[in-house]
Protein backbone atom coordinates (compact mmCIF):
# COMPACT_ATOMS: atom_id res chain seq x y z
CA MET A 1 27.28 -53.26 90.31
CA LYS A 2 24.36 -54.16 87.93
CA ALA A 3 21.59 -56.56 88.75
CA GLY A 4 22.70 -58.95 85.96
CA GLU A 5 26.33 -58.72 87.16
CA HIS A 6 25.52 -59.65 90.46
CA MET A 7 23.16 -62.54 89.56
CA SER A 8 26.13 -64.00 87.17
CA LYS A 9 28.67 -63.78 89.94
CA ALA A 10 25.93 -65.47 92.45
CA ILE A 11 25.65 -67.84 89.75
CA MET A 12 29.37 -68.40 89.31
CA ASN A 13 29.64 -68.79 92.95
CA VAL A 14 27.83 -71.86 93.19
CA LEU A 15 29.24 -73.75 90.13
CA GLU A 16 32.58 -72.91 91.61
CA LYS A 17 31.65 -74.18 95.34
CA TYR A 18 30.34 -77.36 93.97
CA ALA A 19 32.38 -78.25 90.72
CA PRO A 20 35.14 -79.51 92.96
CA LYS A 21 33.01 -81.74 94.89
CA LEU A 22 31.42 -83.19 91.89
CA LEU A 23 35.22 -83.99 90.49
CA ASP A 24 36.22 -85.53 93.54
CA LEU A 25 33.11 -87.63 93.59
CA ARG A 26 33.73 -88.97 90.18
CA LYS A 27 37.26 -89.52 90.58
CA HIS A 28 36.33 -91.53 93.72
CA LEU A 29 33.71 -93.49 91.85
CA LYS A 30 35.90 -94.29 88.81
CA SER A 31 38.62 -95.40 91.24
CA VAL A 32 35.80 -98.19 92.73
CA SER A 33 33.83 -99.05 89.55
CA SER A 34 34.08 -99.09 85.89
CA ASN A 35 30.20 -98.86 85.27
CA ASP A 36 29.72 -95.82 83.79
CA MET A 37 25.88 -95.98 83.96
CA MET A 38 26.21 -96.29 87.73
CA ILE A 39 28.85 -93.29 88.03
CA ALA A 40 26.76 -91.23 85.85
CA GLY A 41 23.66 -92.06 88.29
CA GLN A 42 25.43 -91.41 91.23
CA LEU A 43 26.88 -87.71 90.22
CA ASP A 44 22.92 -86.87 89.12
CA VAL A 45 21.97 -87.47 92.58
CA GLU A 46 24.66 -85.23 93.82
CA ILE A 47 24.09 -82.54 91.22
CA ASP A 48 20.33 -82.69 91.94
CA SER A 49 21.04 -81.46 95.36
CA TYR A 50 23.80 -78.94 94.61
CA CYS A 51 21.69 -77.08 91.94
CA THR A 52 19.03 -76.17 94.46
CA PRO A 53 20.72 -72.66 94.95
CA LEU A 54 20.49 -71.98 91.44
CA ILE A 55 16.64 -72.53 91.01
CA ASN A 56 15.48 -69.01 91.98
CA LYS A 57 18.12 -67.83 89.58
CA LYS A 58 16.37 -66.08 86.34
CA ILE A 59 16.30 -68.99 83.61
CA TYR A 60 17.82 -66.77 81.02
CA GLU A 61 20.69 -66.14 83.01
CA LEU A 62 21.30 -69.82 83.58
CA LYS A 63 20.97 -70.35 79.83
CA ARG A 64 23.34 -67.67 79.05
CA ILE A 65 26.04 -68.66 81.32
CA SER A 66 25.57 -72.30 80.09
CA GLY A 67 25.78 -71.26 76.68
CA LYS A 68 29.32 -69.35 77.49
CA LEU A 69 30.52 -72.53 79.28
CA VAL A 70 29.82 -74.74 76.49
CA GLU A 71 31.53 -72.38 74.16
CA THR A 72 34.71 -72.34 75.93
CA ARG A 73 34.57 -76.38 76.86
CA ASN A 74 34.50 -76.50 72.88
CA GLU A 75 37.47 -74.74 72.53
CA ILE A 76 39.42 -76.29 75.09
CA TYR A 77 38.30 -79.80 73.42
CA GLN A 78 39.85 -78.55 70.03
CA LYS A 79 43.02 -77.64 71.88
CA MET A 80 43.31 -81.19 73.27
CA LEU A 81 42.84 -82.46 69.70
CA MET A 82 45.83 -80.20 68.46
CA SER A 83 48.31 -81.14 71.89
CA LEU A 84 48.47 -85.03 71.28
CA GLN A 85 52.16 -85.10 71.55
CA ASP A 86 52.41 -82.94 74.70
CA GLN A 87 51.02 -84.83 77.67
CA THR A 88 51.76 -82.20 80.39
CA GLN A 89 49.53 -79.60 78.06
CA LYS A 90 47.15 -82.57 77.23
CA ASP A 91 46.55 -83.16 81.20
CA GLU A 92 45.94 -79.58 81.89
CA LEU A 93 43.60 -79.21 79.20
CA ASN A 94 41.78 -82.14 80.35
CA ASP A 95 41.29 -81.18 83.66
CA GLN A 96 39.85 -77.86 82.45
CA HIS A 97 37.53 -79.71 80.05
CA GLU A 98 36.25 -81.97 83.38
CA TYR A 99 35.96 -78.97 85.48
CA LEU A 100 33.52 -77.13 82.88
CA GLU A 101 31.76 -80.65 82.17
CA VAL A 102 30.49 -80.80 85.71
CA GLN A 103 29.68 -77.06 85.71
CA ILE A 104 27.74 -77.66 82.58
CA LEU A 105 25.82 -80.33 84.09
CA LEU A 106 24.74 -78.42 87.24
CA LEU A 107 23.32 -75.63 84.80
CA GLU A 108 21.49 -78.11 82.68
CA LYS A 109 20.05 -79.64 86.03
CA ALA A 110 18.97 -76.06 87.18
CA ILE A 111 17.44 -75.40 83.84
CA GLN A 112 15.35 -78.48 83.83
CA LYS A 113 14.02 -78.03 87.21
CA LYS A 114 13.59 -74.42 86.80
CA GLN A 115 11.40 -75.09 83.58
CA GLU A 116 9.33 -77.87 85.82
CA GLN A 117 9.08 -75.10 88.64
CA ASN A 118 8.12 -72.49 86.11
CA ARG A 119 4.92 -74.86 85.15
CA GLN A 120 3.95 -75.31 88.86
CA PHE A 121 0.96 -73.06 89.90
CA SER A 122 2.44 -72.13 93.54
CA HIS A 123 0.75 -68.86 94.36
CA SER A 124 -2.72 -67.18 93.89
CA VAL A 125 -4.26 -63.93 93.93
CA GLU A 126 -8.06 -62.76 94.35
CA ARG A 127 -9.23 -62.25 90.93
CA ASN A 128 -10.84 -58.75 91.25
CA PHE A 129 -7.26 -57.56 91.45
CA ILE A 130 -6.63 -58.85 87.94
CA ASP A 131 -9.96 -58.28 86.40
CA HIS A 132 -9.36 -54.31 87.64
CA PRO A 133 -6.23 -52.49 86.60
CA PHE A 134 -4.75 -52.39 90.31
CA ILE A 135 -1.16 -52.87 89.10
CA SER A 136 0.51 -50.89 86.34
CA SER A 137 3.50 -52.14 84.09
CA THR A 138 5.11 -48.63 83.97
CA THR A 139 5.10 -45.24 85.66
CA PRO A 140 4.24 -41.99 83.70
CA ASN A 141 7.16 -39.16 83.66
CA GLU A 142 7.04 -36.99 86.67
CA SER A 143 5.50 -34.12 85.29
CA THR A 144 2.30 -36.35 84.27
CA LEU A 145 2.12 -37.50 87.89
CA VAL A 146 2.65 -34.36 89.51
CA LYS A 147 -0.74 -33.30 87.70
CA LYS A 148 -2.16 -36.12 89.18
CA ARG A 149 -1.05 -35.67 92.99
CA GLN A 150 -2.99 -33.27 95.32
CA PRO A 151 -1.42 -30.59 97.16
CA ASN A 152 -1.17 -33.27 100.23
CA GLY A 153 1.05 -35.52 97.93
CA VAL A 154 -2.08 -37.93 97.27
CA LEU A 155 -1.87 -39.74 94.17
CA GLU A 156 -5.65 -40.06 92.57
CA LEU A 157 -6.39 -41.57 89.29
CA GLU A 158 -9.36 -43.04 87.58
CA LYS A 159 -7.85 -46.09 85.93
CA LYS A 160 -9.23 -47.62 82.76
CA GLY A 161 -9.23 -51.46 81.68
CA PHE A 162 -11.61 -54.30 81.29
CA ARG A 163 -13.43 -52.88 84.40
CA ASN A 164 -12.47 -49.41 85.93
CA LEU A 165 -10.81 -48.73 89.03
CA TYR A 166 -10.32 -45.50 90.91
CA TYR A 167 -7.03 -45.48 92.60
CA GLN A 168 -5.57 -43.38 95.44
CA ASN A 169 -2.11 -43.64 97.13
CA SER A 170 -1.00 -41.40 100.20
CA ASN A 171 2.63 -41.70 99.15
CA GLY A 172 1.83 -40.34 95.57
CA ASN A 173 3.07 -43.63 93.82
CA LEU A 174 1.54 -46.21 91.52
CA LEU A 175 1.92 -50.14 92.52
CA LEU A 176 4.26 -51.88 90.22
CA PRO A 177 4.64 -55.58 89.72
CA TYR A 178 7.41 -55.63 92.40
CA ASP A 179 4.73 -54.85 94.73
CA ALA A 180 2.42 -57.17 93.30
CA ARG A 181 5.04 -59.86 93.75
CA ASN A 182 4.71 -59.17 97.48
CA LEU A 183 0.94 -58.87 97.66
CA PHE A 184 1.22 -62.49 96.07
CA GLY A 185 3.45 -63.13 99.28
CA ILE A 186 1.07 -61.76 101.73
CA ILE A 187 -1.54 -64.07 100.38
CA LYS A 188 0.59 -67.06 100.30
CA LEU A 189 1.82 -66.52 103.98
CA TRP A 190 -2.21 -65.88 104.86
CA GLU A 191 -2.57 -69.35 103.43
CA LEU A 192 0.12 -70.82 105.55
CA LYS A 193 -0.65 -69.29 108.53
CA GLY A 194 -4.20 -70.26 108.78
CA LYS A 195 -6.10 -67.92 106.67
CA ASN A 196 -7.06 -65.57 109.41
CA ILE A 197 -8.24 -61.94 108.74
CA ALA A 198 -5.11 -60.68 110.68
CA PHE A 199 -1.60 -62.09 111.09
CA ASP A 200 1.72 -61.49 111.48
CA PHE A 201 4.74 -62.09 109.47
CA GLU A 202 8.73 -61.30 109.16
CA PHE A 203 10.43 -59.77 106.25
CA ARG A 204 12.43 -63.02 105.61
CA GLU A 205 9.28 -64.98 105.61
CA LEU A 206 7.79 -63.04 102.78
CA ILE A 207 10.88 -62.89 100.62
CA HIS A 208 11.09 -66.60 100.99
CA SER A 209 7.42 -67.26 99.90
CA VAL A 210 8.37 -65.32 96.77
CA HIS A 211 11.13 -67.08 96.00
CA GLY A 212 13.07 -63.69 96.32
CA GLU A 213 16.99 -63.49 97.54
CA MET A 214 18.10 -61.97 100.76
CA SER A 215 20.36 -59.30 99.06
CA GLY A 216 21.76 -55.92 100.43
CA GLY A 217 19.07 -53.73 99.36
CA GLU A 218 16.01 -55.99 99.30
CA TYR A 219 14.83 -54.99 103.24
CA GLU A 220 14.54 -51.42 102.20
CA ALA A 221 12.85 -52.08 99.03
CA LEU A 222 10.43 -54.44 100.74
CA HIS A 223 9.75 -51.74 103.46
CA THR A 224 8.91 -49.10 100.67
CA SER A 225 6.70 -51.65 98.85
CA LEU A 226 4.64 -52.64 101.82
CA ASP A 227 4.13 -48.99 102.87
CA ASN A 228 2.95 -48.47 99.18
CA LEU A 229 0.59 -51.10 99.47
CA GLY A 230 -0.75 -50.28 102.94
CA LYS A 231 -1.36 -46.65 101.91
CA THR A 232 -3.29 -47.86 98.70
CA SER A 233 -7.25 -47.13 98.46
CA ILE A 234 -9.43 -47.96 95.71
CA VAL A 235 -13.02 -48.39 94.29
CA MET A 236 -13.51 -51.20 92.21
CA GLU A 237 -16.40 -50.65 89.77
CA GLU A 238 -17.54 -54.04 89.20
CA TYR A 239 -16.12 -56.27 92.13
CA PHE A 240 -17.26 -59.71 91.92
CA ASP A 241 -18.63 -60.72 95.43
CA ALA A 242 -18.34 -64.75 95.57
CA GLU A 243 -20.45 -64.89 98.41
CA ALA A 244 -23.56 -63.01 96.48
CA LYS A 245 -22.49 -64.13 93.24
CA LYS A 246 -22.92 -60.78 91.59
CA ARG A 247 -20.69 -57.78 90.96
CA LYS A 248 -21.40 -54.45 92.52
CA ARG A 249 -19.34 -51.01 93.12
CA THR A 250 -17.21 -51.13 96.24
CA LYS A 251 -16.98 -48.32 98.61
CA ILE A 252 -13.43 -46.82 99.01
CA HIS A 253 -11.41 -49.11 101.13
CA ASN A 254 -7.90 -50.35 101.61
CA PRO A 255 -7.17 -53.97 100.48
CA ILE A 256 -4.92 -54.04 103.26
CA GLN A 257 -6.97 -52.63 106.09
CA GLU A 258 -4.32 -52.09 108.52
CA MET A 259 -0.58 -52.35 108.55
CA ALA A 260 2.07 -51.90 111.23
CA ILE A 261 5.85 -52.36 110.30
CA ASP A 262 8.68 -52.67 112.51
CA ARG A 263 11.83 -51.81 111.05
CA VAL A 264 13.86 -52.76 114.33
CA THR A 265 12.65 -56.42 113.96
CA ASN A 266 11.75 -56.29 110.24
CA SER A 267 8.27 -57.90 110.95
CA VAL A 268 4.53 -56.79 109.93
CA SER A 269 1.32 -56.90 111.33
CA ILE A 270 -1.68 -56.83 109.27
CA ARG A 271 -5.28 -57.10 108.85
CA LEU A 272 -6.99 -57.87 105.26
CA ASN A 273 -9.95 -55.98 104.01
CA GLU A 274 -12.92 -58.04 105.04
CA ASN A 275 -14.15 -58.33 101.28
CA LEU A 276 -10.91 -59.43 100.20
CA HIS A 277 -10.96 -62.17 102.93
CA LYS A 278 -14.13 -63.47 102.38
CA ASN A 279 -13.66 -63.88 98.65
CA LEU A 280 -10.27 -65.51 99.30
CA LEU A 281 -11.76 -68.18 101.61
CA ALA A 282 -14.74 -68.30 98.60
CA GLY A 283 -11.74 -69.31 96.52
CA ASN A 284 -12.29 -66.54 94.02
CA VAL A 285 -8.58 -66.72 92.87
CA ILE A 286 -6.47 -67.37 89.96
CA GLU A 287 -3.41 -69.50 90.56
CA PHE A 288 0.02 -69.02 88.77
CA SER A 289 4.00 -70.04 88.93
CA ILE A 290 5.71 -67.13 91.09
CA SER A 291 9.03 -68.71 89.54
CA LEU A 292 7.44 -67.72 86.30
CA PHE A 293 6.47 -64.52 87.10
CA ASN A 294 9.86 -63.56 88.52
CA ASP A 295 11.69 -65.16 85.43
CA LEU A 296 9.87 -62.94 83.10
CA ALA A 297 12.11 -60.06 81.78
CA THR A 298 9.70 -57.13 81.85
CA PRO A 299 7.01 -55.63 84.03
CA THR A 300 4.82 -55.63 81.44
CA SER A 301 5.25 -59.17 80.47
CA LYS A 302 4.62 -60.12 84.47
CA ASN A 303 1.50 -57.99 84.36
CA LEU A 304 0.43 -59.73 81.06
CA TYR A 305 0.96 -63.30 82.38
CA LEU A 306 -1.66 -62.76 85.10
CA ILE A 307 -4.16 -61.38 82.66
CA VAL A 308 -3.55 -64.41 80.41
CA VAL A 309 -4.06 -66.80 83.18
CA ASN A 310 -6.97 -65.03 84.30
CA LYS A 311 -8.54 -64.98 80.66
CA ALA A 312 -7.69 -68.51 80.08
CA LYS A 313 -9.90 -69.41 83.34
CA ASP A 314 -12.59 -67.91 81.58
CA ARG A 315 -11.97 -69.15 78.09
CA GLU A 316 -11.68 -65.62 76.83
CA PHE A 317 -8.94 -65.20 74.16
CA VAL A 318 -9.89 -62.23 72.22
CA LEU A 319 -8.98 -58.85 73.77
CA ASP A 320 -9.49 -55.04 72.87
CA VAL A 321 -6.01 -53.90 72.14
CA GLU A 322 -6.75 -50.25 73.77
CA GLN A 323 -8.36 -51.84 76.64
CA LEU A 324 -5.59 -54.02 77.24
CA ILE A 325 -2.94 -51.47 77.17
CA ASN A 326 -4.83 -49.27 79.60
CA HIS A 327 -5.32 -52.11 81.89
CA LEU A 328 -1.72 -52.97 81.81
CA GLY A 329 -0.81 -49.44 82.71
CA ILE A 330 1.45 -49.01 79.73
CA HIS A 331 2.61 -45.16 79.86
CA ALA A 332 4.39 -44.58 76.49
CA SER A 333 4.99 -41.29 74.91
CA GLU A 334 3.83 -42.47 71.42
CA ASN A 335 1.23 -45.08 70.82
CA TYR A 336 3.70 -47.36 68.18
CA LYS A 337 5.92 -47.81 71.52
CA SER A 338 3.14 -49.10 73.65
CA TYR A 339 2.10 -51.38 70.58
CA THR A 340 5.94 -52.67 70.58
CA MET A 341 6.15 -52.97 74.50
CA LEU A 342 2.83 -55.20 74.06
CA LYS A 343 4.00 -57.37 71.16
CA ASN A 344 7.53 -57.96 72.91
CA SER A 345 5.36 -59.21 75.91
CA PHE A 346 3.34 -61.59 74.21
CA ASP A 347 6.69 -62.93 72.26
CA GLU A 348 8.20 -63.53 75.48
CA LEU A 349 5.08 -65.60 76.95
CA GLN A 350 5.16 -67.38 73.73
CA ASN A 351 8.81 -68.14 74.21
CA TYR A 352 8.20 -69.34 77.88
CA ASP A 353 5.15 -71.45 76.37
CA VAL A 354 2.63 -69.93 78.51
CA ILE A 355 0.90 -69.23 74.95
CA LYS A 356 0.91 -71.42 71.63
CA ARG A 357 0.64 -68.42 69.57
CA TYR A 358 -0.89 -64.95 69.07
CA GLU A 359 -2.31 -62.69 66.41
CA ILE A 360 -2.65 -58.73 66.62
CA VAL A 361 -5.66 -57.98 64.33
CA LYS A 362 -5.53 -54.29 62.74
CA LYS A 363 -8.51 -52.24 61.62
CA ARG A 364 -7.30 -49.27 59.36
CA ARG A 365 -3.78 -50.22 59.95
CA ILE A 366 -4.17 -49.43 63.92
CA PRO A 367 -3.93 -52.51 66.14
CA ASP A 368 -7.71 -53.56 67.28
CA LYS A 369 -7.61 -56.99 68.88
CA VAL A 370 -5.30 -59.53 70.10
CA ILE A 371 -6.56 -63.00 69.65
CA PHE A 372 -4.16 -65.63 71.68
CA GLU A 373 -4.02 -69.50 72.22
CA PRO A 374 -2.86 -70.52 75.47
CA SER A 375 -0.80 -73.41 75.82
CA ASP A 376 -2.54 -76.95 76.72
CA TRP A 377 -0.79 -77.10 80.30
CA VAL A 378 -2.14 -73.66 81.17
CA LEU A 379 -5.50 -74.57 79.84
CA GLN A 380 -5.25 -78.01 81.87
CA ARG A 381 -4.15 -76.29 85.20
CA SER A 382 -7.11 -73.97 85.01
CA ALA A 383 -9.50 -76.45 84.36
CA ASP A 384 -8.04 -78.57 87.28
CA LEU A 385 -8.48 -75.81 89.51
CA GLN A 386 -11.84 -75.22 88.42
CA GLY A 387 -12.68 -78.80 89.22
CA GLU A 388 -10.97 -78.56 92.74
CA LEU A 389 -13.02 -75.40 93.20
CA PHE A 390 -16.12 -77.27 92.22
CA LEU A 391 -15.67 -80.41 94.27
CA GLY A 392 -14.55 -78.12 97.32
């Protein structure tokens, strides 16, 4: 079963579970009151609680299914108009119409709450991991990776971007946005568990902290991702030391200094790198919405979202295209494919109202600069966080 099919089935299961309950409630309310506003208000209260399992679904899936149900409801309504003389058929169609109505109400409420959630800056990440190209959007083909791997399988790369990074992974892998999501979850658990340099957590806690779902293969994928995070070593060329308030080149280090994974209990013990821990305590972070990060359709869009929020904090709205493509870790066989992926991701951020507008400026018909304008809520939230940090 494909991921989209699984998600659609999960959404329909929620609708089929709660729609009959809402119909029964509406029937009861109509039996005791003729006040339509009161009935609608009571239904809304129940819908608000029933739609909770839908909040972590992707918004485009919620909208897609809602659109299909609206089409079906409208078709049934047309049939109702054509069957005025057949009372039995009319009653059957009316029941179907009401059933679809409450399903649509559930979806509309979930979409509304999801849109609100997508604007809540719920998670944070230490800024050096966004300033440097720590996360890649795509993976090069295997023949390219083989050339970069040492005889012992260790992957070594000089990653270029806005600031350069030496990258080493003992498993021979690049870190992708799924791994980034799990790093964000680790930082969230660090906050919740007392901000200590060393702490323990369970797989289920991490999945919950990133609004993930306990699906069948999630534990195995999470184990692989955590193992990759723990076996990644880096050198940051322009690491910002928040305590010393200056940039420096780091020594080679593991951001997660120690990690022990117990697959029997699905629990993890970790110790953060000291510099990472100090910068987190000093508040050298950007905040963002994990809900929106999860909602974005492509790895490039997820990665670009973090860069946009990071640059918005510095009021830096003009980016070099080649630097940006390198920083995002876009690996395409042709340059035009990289430019297309970049444009599609900016389009998606615009659709999600992360940015108001953008323009790709060309030089000799080749994309050279991208100018973007963040949406007001992104700028305002960045300004609020700066103020909170200053007051703190």
